[in-house]
Amino acid sequence: MSNIIVEYKYMKDQTEELIKNTAKKMFFGEGKFNATTQEIADEAQVNRTLINYYFRSRNNLFEIVFEEAMKQQHEKSDSILYSNVSFKEKISNYIDYTLGVAMEYPYLEIYLVTQINQGCIYKDNDQMDDIISFIDKELKKEVENGTMKPISPFQFILNLVSLVSFPASMRPIFQESFKLNDQQYNTILSERKEVIINTLFK
């Protein structure tokens, strides 16, 4: 009996993850924010009733998928920031990760901007204070070593986030304006790392 229970739980977990991954791809990879439960079920090749069974509603599924995506990004960003490598390597790794997410889920950044405009905040003030303080110490070391010009942590963060996020959040407009397909724009994004590093560091 115990083996049956374990197998059932495994299958249940697998089905839930399949539905969430499918919804994430449709919402943030394809920009189908209004995808119905039936459309998600068809894409995941599961019965629509399973979505209601596991997540109660399409809106609840959307919220869960978005919150998990944000949690994963924050945890990864923190692990990069506090990793045991040079500050330049940390920034390089952060750019790699962020641009990778932007290429896999091009509409995630767009939705994030709309959420921020509605007053959503994803990091508490104490945590952000710690991050700013940590970055400030790292910046002072870089200035002492002659690898950066003096800059406040606030301006540095603004520069970094703007250089990485703006091309992602404005992707639809840029692609339309410059008549670029997805592959061409992803190539441009992949070239951003060197441009950003050369902009932030001497």
Protein backbone atom coordinates (compact mmCIF):
# COMPACT_ATOMS: atom_id res chain seq x y z
CA MET A 1 0.00 0.00 0.00
CA SER A 2 2.83 2.40 0.87
CA ASN A 3 4.40 1.94 -2.58
CA ILE A 4 1.08 2.80 -4.21
CA ILE A 5 0.81 5.97 -2.12
CA VAL A 6 4.35 7.01 -2.99
CA GLU A 7 3.75 6.37 -6.68
CA TYR A 8 0.47 8.34 -6.58
CA LYS A 9 2.20 11.28 -4.89
CA TYR A 10 4.98 11.18 -7.48
CA MET A 11 2.50 11.19 -10.34
CA LYS A 12 0.54 14.01 -8.69
CA ASP A 13 3.69 16.11 -8.26
CA GLN A 14 4.72 15.42 -11.84
CA THR A 15 1.32 16.49 -13.17
CA GLU A 16 1.33 19.68 -11.10
CA GLU A 17 4.81 20.60 -12.35
CA LEU A 18 3.81 19.82 -15.93
CA ILE A 19 0.82 22.15 -15.68
CA LYS A 20 2.87 24.92 -14.03
CA ASN A 21 5.70 24.66 -16.56
CA THR A 22 3.24 24.68 -19.44
CA ALA A 23 1.41 27.70 -18.03
CA LYS A 24 4.70 29.52 -17.45
CA LYS A 25 5.76 28.90 -21.05
CA MET A 26 2.42 30.10 -22.39
CA PHE A 27 2.13 33.13 -20.10
CA PHE A 28 5.69 34.42 -20.10
CA GLY A 29 7.31 32.63 -23.02
CA GLU A 30 4.58 33.28 -25.56
CA GLY A 31 2.79 36.26 -23.98
CA LYS A 32 -0.54 34.44 -23.76
CA PHE A 33 -1.58 36.13 -20.52
CA ASN A 34 -5.25 35.38 -21.19
CA ALA A 35 -4.78 31.70 -21.98
CA THR A 36 -7.78 29.70 -20.74
CA THR A 37 -7.62 26.58 -18.61
CA GLN A 38 -8.70 24.60 -21.65
CA GLU A 39 -5.85 26.01 -23.76
CA ILE A 40 -3.34 25.26 -20.99
CA ALA A 41 -4.76 21.75 -20.59
CA ASP A 42 -4.55 21.12 -24.34
CA GLU A 43 -0.93 22.31 -24.44
CA ALA A 44 -0.01 20.17 -21.41
CA GLN A 45 -2.06 17.27 -22.77
CA VAL A 46 -4.01 16.82 -19.55
CA ASN A 47 -7.68 16.95 -18.65
CA ARG A 48 -8.91 20.49 -17.91
CA THR A 49 -10.49 19.33 -14.64
CA LEU A 50 -6.99 18.59 -13.31
CA ILE A 51 -6.10 22.29 -13.47
CA ASN A 52 -9.13 23.16 -11.37
CA TYR A 53 -8.39 20.24 -9.04
CA TYR A 54 -4.77 21.27 -8.38
CA PHE A 55 -5.02 25.06 -8.66
CA ARG A 56 -8.76 25.89 -8.19
CA SER A 57 -8.77 28.46 -10.98
CA ARG A 58 -6.83 29.79 -13.93
CA ASN A 59 -6.11 33.07 -12.08
CA ASN A 60 -4.75 31.19 -9.09
CA LEU A 61 -2.50 29.15 -11.39
CA PHE A 62 -1.24 32.36 -12.99
CA GLU A 63 -0.46 33.88 -9.59
CA ILE A 64 1.35 30.76 -8.37
CA VAL A 65 3.44 30.52 -11.53
CA PHE A 66 4.39 34.19 -11.38
CA GLU A 67 5.28 34.14 -7.67
CA GLU A 68 7.41 31.02 -8.12
CA ALA A 69 9.21 32.63 -11.06
CA MET A 70 9.95 35.72 -8.98
CA LYS A 71 11.09 33.66 -6.00
CA GLN A 72 13.43 31.65 -8.21
CA GLN A 73 14.90 34.81 -9.72
CA HIS A 74 15.45 36.42 -6.32
CA GLU A 75 17.08 33.31 -4.87
CA LYS A 76 19.36 32.96 -7.88
CA SER A 77 20.26 36.67 -7.81
CA ASP A 78 21.10 36.47 -4.10
CA SER A 79 23.24 33.36 -4.60
CA ILE A 80 25.17 35.16 -7.34
CA LEU A 81 25.59 38.34 -5.28
CA TYR A 82 26.97 36.52 -2.24
CA SER A 83 29.06 33.99 -4.16
CA ASN A 84 32.81 33.70 -3.51
CA VAL A 85 34.03 35.29 -6.75
CA SER A 86 35.15 38.76 -7.76
CA PHE A 87 32.57 41.53 -8.02
CA LYS A 88 33.04 41.72 -11.79
CA GLU A 89 32.40 37.98 -12.07
CA LYS A 90 29.27 38.36 -9.94
CA ILE A 91 27.92 41.03 -12.24
CA SER A 92 28.88 38.96 -15.27
CA ASN A 93 27.06 35.92 -13.86
CA TYR A 94 24.04 38.05 -13.00
CA ILE A 95 23.88 39.39 -16.56
CA ASP A 96 24.20 35.86 -17.99
CA TYR A 97 21.38 34.58 -15.82
CA THR A 98 19.05 37.55 -16.33
CA LEU A 99 19.49 37.66 -20.09
CA GLY A 100 19.02 33.88 -20.23
CA VAL A 101 15.66 34.21 -18.47
CA ALA A 102 14.73 37.12 -20.75
CA MET A 103 15.38 35.02 -23.85
CA GLU A 104 13.47 31.99 -22.51
CA TYR A 105 10.57 34.04 -21.13
CA PRO A 106 10.49 37.31 -23.11
CA TYR A 107 7.16 38.44 -21.64
CA LEU A 108 8.05 37.92 -17.98
CA GLU A 109 9.83 41.27 -17.75
CA ILE A 110 6.88 43.02 -19.38
CA TYR A 111 4.45 41.56 -16.87
CA LEU A 112 6.81 42.37 -14.00
CA VAL A 113 6.82 46.05 -15.01
CA THR A 114 3.01 46.14 -14.97
CA GLN A 115 3.00 44.57 -11.49
CA ILE A 116 5.51 47.10 -10.17
CA ASN A 117 3.38 49.91 -11.58
CA GLN A 118 0.49 48.50 -9.57
CA GLY A 119 2.50 48.74 -6.36
CA CYS A 120 3.84 45.20 -6.05
CA ILE A 121 7.18 44.93 -4.22
CA TYR A 122 9.13 41.68 -4.14
CA LYS A 123 11.88 42.42 -1.63
CA ASP A 124 11.37 43.71 1.88
CA ASN A 125 13.14 46.90 2.93
CA ASP A 126 15.55 45.18 5.34
CA GLN A 127 16.71 42.77 2.65
CA MET A 128 17.18 45.58 0.14
CA ASP A 129 19.13 47.61 2.70
CA ASP A 130 21.48 44.65 3.18
CA ILE A 131 21.96 44.30 -0.57
CA ILE A 132 22.71 48.00 -1.03
CA SER A 133 25.17 47.95 1.87
CA PHE A 134 26.92 44.88 0.44
CA ILE A 135 27.15 46.37 -3.05
CA ASP A 136 28.46 49.64 -1.61
CA LYS A 137 31.38 47.77 0.01
CA GLU A 138 32.09 45.92 -3.22
CA LEU A 139 32.05 49.15 -5.21
CA LYS A 140 34.49 50.85 -2.85
CA LYS A 141 36.92 47.95 -3.31
CA GLU A 142 36.64 48.25 -7.08
CA VAL A 143 37.28 51.99 -6.91
CA GLU A 144 40.35 51.42 -4.71
CA ASN A 145 41.61 48.85 -7.20
CA GLY A 146 41.11 51.30 -10.05
CA THR A 147 38.65 49.09 -11.94
CA MET A 148 35.69 51.46 -11.55
CA LYS A 149 34.98 55.15 -11.21
CA PRO A 150 33.33 56.28 -7.95
CA ILE A 151 29.59 55.67 -8.03
CA SER A 152 26.85 55.31 -5.43
CA PRO A 153 25.28 51.85 -5.03
CA PHE A 154 21.92 53.32 -6.05
CA GLN A 155 23.26 54.67 -9.34
CA PHE A 156 25.14 51.43 -9.99
CA ILE A 157 22.01 49.33 -9.46
CA LEU A 158 20.00 51.68 -11.67
CA ASN A 159 22.61 51.41 -14.40
CA LEU A 160 22.85 47.63 -14.18
CA VAL A 161 19.12 46.96 -14.08
CA SER A 162 18.42 49.48 -16.85
CA LEU A 163 21.07 48.08 -19.16
CA VAL A 164 19.85 44.52 -18.64
CA SER A 165 16.09 44.92 -18.29
CA PHE A 166 15.20 47.71 -20.70
CA PRO A 167 16.00 45.73 -23.88
CA ALA A 168 13.92 42.84 -22.47
CA SER A 169 10.90 44.88 -21.38
CA MET A 170 10.88 46.87 -24.64
CA ARG A 171 11.45 43.81 -26.82
CA PRO A 172 8.14 43.91 -28.76
CA ILE A 173 8.66 47.55 -29.73
CA PHE A 174 12.31 47.08 -30.71
CA GLN A 175 11.59 43.96 -32.75
CA GLU A 176 8.77 45.68 -34.58
CA SER A 177 10.72 48.89 -35.17
CA PHE A 178 13.88 47.20 -36.42
CA LYS A 179 12.06 44.32 -38.14
CA LEU A 180 13.91 41.64 -36.20
CA ASN A 181 12.76 38.06 -35.69
CA ASP A 182 13.13 36.22 -32.36
CA GLN A 183 16.47 34.65 -33.27
CA GLN A 184 17.95 37.97 -34.38
CA TYR A 185 16.83 39.73 -31.23
CA ASN A 186 18.14 36.92 -29.01
CA THR A 187 21.51 37.31 -30.72
CA ILE A 188 21.49 41.00 -29.86
CA LEU A 189 20.59 40.19 -26.24
CA SER A 190 23.40 37.65 -26.02
CA GLU A 191 25.82 40.38 -27.13
CA ARG A 192 24.64 42.67 -24.36
CA LYS A 193 26.86 41.13 -21.67
CA GLU A 194 30.12 42.45 -23.08
CA VAL A 195 28.56 45.85 -23.77
CA ILE A 196 27.23 46.13 -20.21
CA ILE A 197 30.47 44.96 -18.56
CA ASN A 198 32.49 47.44 -20.60
CA THR A 199 30.05 50.19 -19.63
CA LEU A 200 30.14 49.50 -15.90
CA PHE A 201 33.84 48.68 -15.50
CA LYS A 202 37.01 50.30 -16.77
